[in-house]
């Protein structure tokens, strides 16, 4: 459930706000997670989350944006949204903001950048960098992302060290 500060936010009519965060831990499993808080002008909100191993922080930061936009695409094609929705993306990653605005080249994660370029097509996009956790929705995305990453890391560590793991014919580098 969203907190009271988030519920009290007023979003301009027709604008969809997306607050994103990604997180990854180096180490033997390189686990990561992403979360996006999507706020609609009618006061409703949705959280989009996911996790993955063998990843990096930049991939998760960018995937947080892409998965939120993908969520909106599903709505758009179901004719729930207006024709060219205004989407304001708020992100604490300079990697994502600089890549999206052309301030830096997209030499890494080209697969996700290609998806980004397709996903932004039906929207009027604006992207802004903010410092971490300055706004309630961004703090919630950060908390969701961090919690999911920790839970996933712990589960994956238990799974890969279980006595029966070898019976699956997998090794520690197998992507789950």
Protein backbone atom coordinates (compact mmCIF):
# COMPACT_ATOMS: atom_id res chain seq x y z
CA UNK A 1 0.00 0.00 0.00
CA UNK A 2 1.28 3.46 -0.82
CA UNK A 3 2.14 5.78 2.04
CA UNK A 4 0.17 8.93 2.97
CA UNK A 5 2.70 11.33 1.40
CA UNK A 6 2.46 9.53 -1.92
CA UNK A 7 -1.33 9.39 -1.79
CA UNK A 8 -1.46 13.17 -1.19
CA UNK A 9 0.51 14.00 -4.35
CA UNK A 10 -1.44 15.72 -7.06
CA UNK A 11 -0.38 14.73 -10.55
CA UNK A 12 -1.30 17.14 -13.37
CA UNK A 13 -4.14 15.89 -15.55
CA UNK A 14 -2.86 13.81 -18.43
CA UNK A 15 0.64 13.41 -17.02
CA UNK A 16 2.00 10.06 -15.93
CA UNK A 17 4.94 10.19 -13.53
CA UNK A 18 7.43 7.33 -13.36
CA UNK A 19 9.94 7.17 -10.51
CA UNK A 20 12.61 4.52 -11.04
CA UNK A 21 15.47 2.81 -9.28
CA UNK A 22 17.80 -0.08 -9.99
CA UNK A 23 20.20 -1.92 -7.74
CA UNK A 24 22.84 -4.60 -8.15
CA UNK A 25 25.38 -6.33 -5.95
CA UNK A 26 28.72 -7.51 -7.22
CA UNK A 27 29.93 -10.86 -6.03
CA UNK A 28 29.58 -14.43 -7.13
CA UNK A 29 25.94 -14.11 -8.24
CA UNK A 30 25.79 -10.44 -9.33
CA UNK A 31 22.15 -10.15 -8.33
CA UNK A 32 20.09 -7.10 -9.12
CA UNK A 33 16.60 -5.71 -9.04
CA UNK A 34 14.61 -2.77 -10.37
CA UNK A 35 11.46 -0.97 -9.30
CA UNK A 36 9.30 1.74 -10.79
CA UNK A 37 6.48 3.69 -9.15
CA UNK A 38 3.98 4.88 -11.74
CA UNK A 39 1.63 7.68 -10.65
CA UNK A 40 -1.48 8.53 -12.63
CA UNK A 41 -3.42 11.81 -12.56
CA UNK A 42 -6.49 10.05 -11.15
CA UNK A 43 -4.53 9.35 -7.94
CA UNK A 44 -3.89 5.69 -8.66
CA UNK A 45 -0.42 4.17 -8.73
CA UNK A 46 1.29 0.97 -9.76
CA UNK A 47 4.65 -0.54 -8.86
CA UNK A 48 6.57 -2.55 -11.44
CA UNK A 49 9.40 -4.70 -10.07
CA UNK A 50 11.74 -7.45 -11.21
CA UNK A 51 15.04 -9.16 -10.45
CA UNK A 52 17.83 -10.98 -12.25
CA UNK A 53 21.24 -12.48 -11.62
CA UNK A 54 24.39 -11.88 -13.67
CA UNK A 55 23.59 -8.21 -14.09
CA UNK A 56 24.91 -4.71 -13.40
CA UNK A 57 23.52 -1.60 -11.75
CA UNK A 58 23.29 0.28 -15.06
CA UNK A 59 21.25 -2.54 -16.63
CA UNK A 60 18.84 -2.51 -13.70
CA UNK A 61 18.52 1.31 -13.69
CA UNK A 62 17.66 1.28 -17.40
CA UNK A 63 15.43 -1.77 -17.11
CA UNK A 64 13.39 0.02 -14.43
CA UNK A 65 12.50 2.68 -17.01
CA UNK A 66 11.87 0.17 -19.80
CA UNK A 67 9.61 -2.07 -17.75
CA UNK A 68 7.53 0.90 -16.59
CA UNK A 69 7.16 2.07 -20.20
CA UNK A 70 6.30 -1.49 -21.25
CA UNK A 71 3.60 -1.56 -18.59
CA UNK A 72 2.17 1.67 -20.05
CA UNK A 73 2.34 0.25 -23.59
CA UNK A 74 0.07 -2.58 -22.52
CA UNK A 75 -2.39 0.01 -21.21
CA UNK A 76 -2.10 2.17 -24.33
CA UNK A 77 -2.82 -0.68 -26.68
CA UNK A 78 -5.84 -1.53 -24.59
CA UNK A 79 -7.02 2.07 -25.18
CA UNK A 80 -6.95 2.96 -21.49
CA UNK A 81 -4.64 5.93 -22.05
CA UNK A 82 -5.15 9.00 -24.19
CA UNK A 83 -3.55 9.35 -27.63
CA UNK A 84 -0.07 10.75 -26.82
CA UNK A 85 0.35 10.55 -23.03
CA UNK A 86 2.83 12.87 -21.35
CA UNK A 87 5.26 10.78 -19.31
CA UNK A 88 7.62 12.41 -16.83
CA UNK A 89 10.43 10.02 -15.80
CA UNK A 90 12.25 10.81 -12.57
CA UNK A 91 15.48 8.87 -12.15
CA UNK A 92 18.49 8.96 -9.82
CA UNK A 93 20.79 7.43 -12.46
CA UNK A 94 22.95 9.82 -14.48
CA UNK A 95 23.74 6.85 -16.76
CA UNK A 96 20.08 6.58 -17.78
CA UNK A 97 19.36 10.30 -17.98
CA UNK A 98 22.52 11.07 -19.97
CA UNK A 99 21.93 8.15 -22.34
CA UNK A 100 18.27 9.07 -22.85
CA UNK A 101 19.00 12.74 -23.53
CA UNK A 102 22.01 12.13 -25.77
CA UNK A 103 24.54 13.61 -23.34
CA UNK A 104 26.52 10.38 -23.40
CA UNK A 105 26.90 7.52 -25.85
CA UNK A 106 25.11 4.23 -25.41
CA UNK A 107 28.04 1.87 -25.79
CA UNK A 108 26.86 -0.57 -23.12
CA UNK A 109 23.50 -2.30 -22.74
CA UNK A 110 22.59 -1.69 -26.36
CA UNK A 111 19.88 -4.34 -26.19
CA UNK A 112 18.03 -2.43 -23.48
CA UNK A 113 18.63 0.94 -25.17
CA UNK A 114 17.10 -0.46 -28.37
CA UNK A 115 14.04 -1.43 -26.35
CA UNK A 116 13.94 2.04 -24.79
CA UNK A 117 13.89 3.68 -28.23
CA UNK A 118 10.90 1.56 -29.25
CA UNK A 119 9.03 1.95 -25.96
CA UNK A 120 9.12 5.77 -25.96
CA UNK A 121 7.45 6.07 -29.37
CA UNK A 122 3.81 6.42 -28.28
CA UNK A 123 4.61 8.87 -25.48
CA UNK A 124 5.70 12.45 -25.04
CA UNK A 125 8.71 11.76 -22.78
CA UNK A 126 10.55 14.01 -20.39
CA UNK A 127 13.32 12.65 -18.18
CA UNK A 128 14.86 14.31 -15.16
CA UNK A 129 17.66 13.42 -12.76
CA UNK A 130 17.11 13.86 -9.04
CA UNK A 131 19.21 12.97 -6.03
CA UNK A 132 18.32 9.71 -4.38
CA UNK A 133 15.12 9.52 -2.34
CA UNK A 134 14.18 13.21 -2.46
CA UNK A 135 10.57 12.43 -3.30
CA UNK A 136 8.28 9.86 -1.66
CA UNK A 137 7.60 7.89 -4.86
CA UNK A 138 11.31 7.63 -5.65
CA UNK A 139 12.03 6.54 -2.08
CA UNK A 140 9.41 3.82 -2.45
CA UNK A 141 10.93 2.64 -5.73
CA UNK A 142 14.33 2.53 -4.00
CA UNK A 143 12.95 0.59 -1.04
CA UNK A 144 11.11 -1.90 -3.25
CA UNK A 145 14.18 -2.39 -5.40
CA UNK A 146 16.54 -2.90 -2.46
CA UNK A 147 14.20 -5.29 -0.67
CA UNK A 148 13.58 -7.40 -3.77
CA UNK A 149 17.31 -7.56 -4.53
CA UNK A 150 18.11 -8.74 -1.00
CA UNK A 151 15.36 -11.36 -0.99
CA UNK A 152 16.33 -12.61 -4.45
CA UNK A 153 20.03 -12.73 -3.54
CA UNK A 154 19.33 -14.73 -0.37
CA UNK A 155 17.03 -17.15 -2.23
CA UNK A 156 19.50 -17.63 -5.07
CA UNK A 157 22.36 -18.22 -2.64
CA UNK A 158 20.32 -20.92 -0.83
CA UNK A 159 19.19 -22.44 -4.12
CA UNK A 160 22.67 -22.69 -5.61
CA UNK A 161 24.25 -24.09 -2.44
CA UNK A 162 21.55 -26.70 -1.79
CA UNK A 163 22.76 -30.32 -1.76
CA UNK A 164 20.42 -31.30 -4.59
CA UNK A 165 21.52 -28.44 -6.84
CA UNK A 166 23.93 -30.63 -8.81
CA UNK A 167 21.05 -32.94 -9.77
CA UNK A 168 19.61 -30.11 -11.89
CA UNK A 169 22.67 -30.19 -14.14
CA UNK A 170 23.23 -26.48 -13.53
CA UNK A 171 26.22 -24.58 -12.24
CA UNK A 172 26.49 -21.32 -10.31
CA UNK A 173 26.70 -19.31 -13.54
CA UNK A 174 23.40 -20.58 -14.94
CA UNK A 175 20.91 -17.75 -15.32
CA UNK A 176 17.64 -18.37 -13.56
